[in-house]
Protein backbone atom coordinates (compact mmCIF):
# COMPACT_ATOMS: atom_id res chain seq x y z
CA MET A 1 24.04 12.51 -3.58
CA ASP A 2 25.15 8.55 -3.84
CA GLU A 3 23.98 8.47 -0.25
CA ILE A 4 20.31 9.49 -0.93
CA ASN A 5 20.31 6.80 -4.03
CA LEU A 6 21.82 3.54 -1.94
CA LEU A 7 18.44 4.85 0.76
CA TRP A 8 15.76 5.03 -2.16
CA HIS A 9 17.17 2.49 -3.71
CA GLN A 10 16.63 -0.10 -0.41
CA LEU A 11 13.06 1.73 1.01
CA THR A 12 12.07 1.01 -2.93
CA ASP A 13 13.44 -2.51 -3.76
CA SER A 14 11.00 -5.48 -2.58
CA GLU A 15 13.84 -8.15 -2.30
CA THR A 16 16.16 -6.00 -0.61
CA ILE A 17 13.20 -5.11 2.36
CA ILE A 18 11.91 -9.16 2.33
CA ARG A 19 15.72 -9.73 2.85
CA SER A 20 15.47 -7.45 5.53
CA GLY A 21 13.60 -8.92 7.58
CA LEU A 22 9.71 -9.52 8.58
CA LEU A 23 10.02 -6.45 11.33
CA VAL A 24 11.36 -3.93 8.04
CA ILE A 25 8.36 -5.36 5.57
CA THR A 26 5.48 -4.26 8.74
CA LEU A 27 6.83 -1.15 8.87
CA ILE A 28 6.79 -0.46 5.10
CA VAL A 29 3.53 -1.54 5.04
CA PHE A 30 2.34 0.57 7.95
CA ALA A 31 3.83 4.06 6.18
CA GLU A 32 2.56 3.20 2.76
CA ASN A 33 -1.38 2.61 4.17
CA GLY A 34 -1.94 5.64 5.64
CA LEU A 35 1.36 8.23 5.66
CA PHE A 36 0.96 10.69 2.82
CA PHE A 37 4.89 10.56 2.18
CA ALA A 38 5.02 7.39 1.71
CA PHE A 39 2.98 6.93 -0.90
CA PHE A 40 5.65 5.70 -3.94
CA LEU A 41 6.57 2.69 -1.48
CA PRO A 42 5.80 -0.84 -2.72
CA GLY A 43 2.64 -2.08 -1.20
CA ASP A 44 0.80 -5.45 -3.66
CA TYR A 45 4.52 -6.74 -5.00
CA LEU A 46 6.25 -6.25 -1.41
CA LEU A 47 3.36 -8.80 0.03
CA PHE A 48 2.91 -10.26 -3.51
CA LEU A 49 6.67 -11.00 -2.34
CA THR A 50 6.42 -11.91 1.21
CA GLY A 51 4.27 -14.74 0.58
CA VAL A 52 6.39 -16.47 -2.45
CA PHE A 53 9.92 -15.87 -0.14
CA GLY A 54 8.15 -17.28 2.51
CA GLY A 55 6.53 -20.39 0.77
CA THR A 56 10.07 -21.28 -0.64
CA GLY A 57 11.34 -20.90 3.14
CA VAL A 58 13.82 -17.96 2.22
CA LEU A 59 11.56 -16.18 5.34
CA LYS A 60 11.55 -18.60 8.25
CA GLU A 61 8.14 -17.37 9.78
CA PRO A 62 4.89 -19.49 9.32
CA LEU A 63 2.49 -18.23 7.05
CA SER A 64 0.55 -17.31 10.59
CA THR A 65 3.08 -15.17 11.77
CA LEU A 66 3.37 -13.42 8.65
CA LEU A 67 -0.45 -12.78 7.99
CA LEU A 68 -0.92 -11.04 11.63
CA SER A 69 1.73 -9.24 10.93
CA ILE A 70 1.46 -7.32 7.71
CA PHE A 71 -2.02 -7.53 8.27
CA SER A 72 -1.64 -5.17 11.65
CA ALA A 73 0.50 -2.85 10.22
CA ALA A 74 -1.45 -2.54 7.14
CA VAL A 75 -5.33 -2.13 9.56
CA ILE A 76 -3.08 0.64 11.92
CA GLY A 77 -1.05 2.12 9.32
CA SER A 78 -4.38 3.11 7.91
CA LEU A 79 -5.98 4.00 10.88
CA VAL A 80 -2.69 6.61 11.04
CA GLY A 81 -3.90 7.76 8.02
CA TYR A 82 -7.69 8.00 9.01
CA LEU A 83 -6.42 10.61 12.10
CA LEU A 84 -4.77 13.00 10.31
CA GLY A 85 -7.50 12.93 7.68
CA ARG A 86 -9.73 13.84 10.88
CA PHE A 87 -7.76 15.89 12.78
CA PHE A 88 -5.17 17.48 10.39
CA GLY A 89 -7.21 17.46 6.97
CA ASN A 90 -7.35 21.25 6.35
CA SER A 91 -3.81 21.71 7.00
CA LEU A 92 -3.22 19.36 4.68
CA GLN A 93 -5.56 20.34 1.83
CA ARG A 94 -3.56 23.10 1.78
CA ARG A 95 0.09 22.52 2.10
CA PRO A 96 1.82 22.72 -0.82
CA ASP A 97 3.17 20.05 -3.65
CA SER A 98 6.31 19.04 -2.99
CA MET A 99 8.68 15.90 -4.07
CA PHE A 100 6.66 13.40 -1.09
CA PHE A 101 3.20 14.69 -1.38
CA LYS A 102 1.15 15.58 -4.25
CA LYS A 103 -2.43 17.55 -4.60
CA LYS A 104 -2.98 15.49 -7.83
CA HIS A 105 -3.39 12.08 -5.28
CA LEU A 106 -5.00 13.70 -3.02
CA GLU A 107 -7.55 15.09 -5.57
CA SER A 108 -7.17 11.38 -8.02
CA THR A 109 -8.31 9.58 -4.74
CA ARG A 110 -11.48 12.03 -3.39
CA GLU A 111 -12.80 11.56 -7.16
CA PHE A 112 -12.69 7.64 -6.37
CA PHE A 113 -13.78 8.23 -2.62
CA GLU A 114 -17.09 10.17 -3.87
CA LYS A 115 -18.33 7.47 -6.72
CA TYR A 116 -17.66 3.84 -4.77
CA GLY A 117 -18.14 5.08 -1.25
CA PHE A 118 -17.48 3.34 1.77
CA SER A 119 -16.52 1.12 -0.36
CA ALA A 120 -13.83 2.54 -1.52
CA LEU A 121 -11.63 2.16 1.50
CA VAL A 122 -12.05 -2.07 0.29
CA ILE A 123 -10.88 -1.83 -3.13
CA SER A 124 -8.42 0.75 -2.76
CA ARG A 125 -6.65 -1.72 -0.73
CA PHE A 126 -5.60 -3.39 -4.02
CA LEU A 127 -4.51 0.00 -5.97
CA PRO A 128 -1.35 1.81 -5.60
CA VAL A 129 -1.52 6.29 -4.32
CA VAL A 130 -5.14 5.33 -3.89
CA ARG A 131 -4.59 3.09 -0.59
CA THR A 132 -2.89 5.76 0.73
CA PHE A 133 -4.98 8.56 0.63
CA THR A 134 -8.87 6.96 0.84
CA PRO A 135 -8.00 6.93 4.30
CA ILE A 136 -7.42 10.27 4.89
CA LEU A 137 -9.70 11.60 3.04
CA ALA A 138 -12.12 9.17 5.54
CA GLY A 139 -10.69 11.04 8.29
CA ILE A 140 -11.75 14.61 6.20
CA SER A 141 -14.11 13.72 5.55
CA LYS A 142 -15.44 12.84 9.03
CA MET A 143 -16.23 9.41 8.03
CA SER A 144 -17.93 7.54 11.57
CA TRP A 145 -15.47 6.07 13.62
CA TYR A 146 -17.83 1.72 13.49
CA SER A 147 -17.91 2.38 9.47
CA PHE A 148 -14.12 3.09 8.87
CA LEU A 149 -12.68 0.15 11.64
CA PHE A 150 -15.16 -2.55 10.31
CA LEU A 151 -14.02 -1.72 6.17
CA ASN A 152 -10.51 -1.18 7.47
CA VAL A 153 -10.19 -4.94 8.55
CA LEU A 154 -11.93 -5.82 6.27
CA GLY A 155 -10.27 -4.19 3.30
CA GLY A 156 -6.95 -5.47 5.46
CA ALA A 157 -8.25 -8.93 5.82
CA LEU A 158 -8.92 -9.38 1.40
CA TRP A 159 -5.00 -7.96 0.41
CA VAL A 160 -3.41 -9.07 2.64
CA GLY A 161 -5.08 -13.15 2.67
CA ILE A 162 -5.12 -12.77 -1.25
CA LEU A 163 -1.80 -11.67 -1.83
CA VAL A 164 0.51 -12.50 1.04
CA ALA A 165 -1.03 -16.10 0.78
CA GLY A 166 -1.68 -16.58 -2.66
CA GLY A 167 2.09 -15.83 -2.89
CA TYR A 168 2.92 -18.49 -0.13
CA TYR A 169 1.03 -20.75 -1.81
CA LEU A 170 2.96 -19.90 -5.66
CA GLY A 171 6.34 -20.40 -3.51
CA GLN A 172 5.22 -23.64 -1.73
CA GLN A 173 4.09 -25.48 -4.83
CA PHE A 174 6.75 -23.61 -7.83
CA PRO A 175 9.68 -23.04 -4.97
CA TRP A 176 11.52 -22.12 -8.84
CA ILE A 177 9.39 -18.91 -9.57
CA ILE A 178 11.86 -16.91 -7.23
CA ASN A 179 14.14 -16.65 -9.94
CA TYR A 180 11.72 -14.33 -11.54
CA VAL A 181 11.30 -12.03 -9.36
CA GLN A 182 12.37 -9.11 -11.54
CA TYR A 183 9.51 -9.91 -13.75
CA ILE A 184 6.49 -10.33 -10.57
CA ILE A 185 7.78 -6.46 -9.47
CA LEU A 186 7.21 -5.70 -13.66
CA PHE A 187 4.38 -7.11 -13.30
CA PHE A 188 3.30 -4.95 -10.45
CA LEU A 189 4.85 -2.25 -12.03
CA GLY A 190 2.90 -1.90 -14.99
CA ILE A 191 -0.42 -1.90 -12.73
CA THR A 192 1.02 1.16 -11.43
CA THR A 193 1.66 3.03 -13.66
CA PHE A 194 -0.88 2.28 -15.61
CA THR A 195 -3.41 3.04 -12.11
CA ILE A 196 -1.63 6.78 -12.26
CA ILE A 197 -1.44 6.92 -15.84
CA LYS A 198 -4.79 6.74 -15.64
CA GLY A 199 -5.94 8.91 -12.59
CA TYR A 200 -3.98 11.63 -14.25
CA LEU A 201 -5.24 11.76 -17.31
CA LYS A 202 -8.77 11.90 -15.83
CA LEU A 203 -7.35 15.10 -13.94
CA LYS A 204 -6.54 16.51 -16.49
CA LYS A 205 -9.76 15.74 -18.49
CA ASN A 206 -11.81 17.13 -15.90
CA ASP A 207 -10.19 20.93 -15.43
């Protein structure tokens, strides 16, 4: 049990992930952007803190390398999610709830997708949990390859560009910000919690 708790901490602690290096960061981003069982992994604040750690020099890679690596991971991750939805969507929808899969996340994302249409692929990049399931639903709904690829690249570029570059700039201009990592994480966790609770209450209301 101690080993499981340690693994969970390492997977969800952004500072630990970032200090492990860019390869680990890109793998986490890849998984969180399209693998249904990885929805719990850090997303927004991982990108922002990666920028902060890059701007303060903790991460040695230049900004261009950070942007390209994380952008590629985000786009490829969502592409895998799309392919999973397109070819295994029926099986996924019949899958029972488990620790790493909740049908409520799929249903709340479906409502979001129906409300915003194709633009959901761009907007959802900034919404935890929904970000993971939107490309899967795009695949289930058989969205055209060209539309998906365009919106996937656009959404990935905006998400990575704003959060990583924004964090990098703040890290350069205000290097002392690295001493307040915990507050940055709490801020993003607050947004994540609000999004999940809002989606859950909406589902309960529609039941």
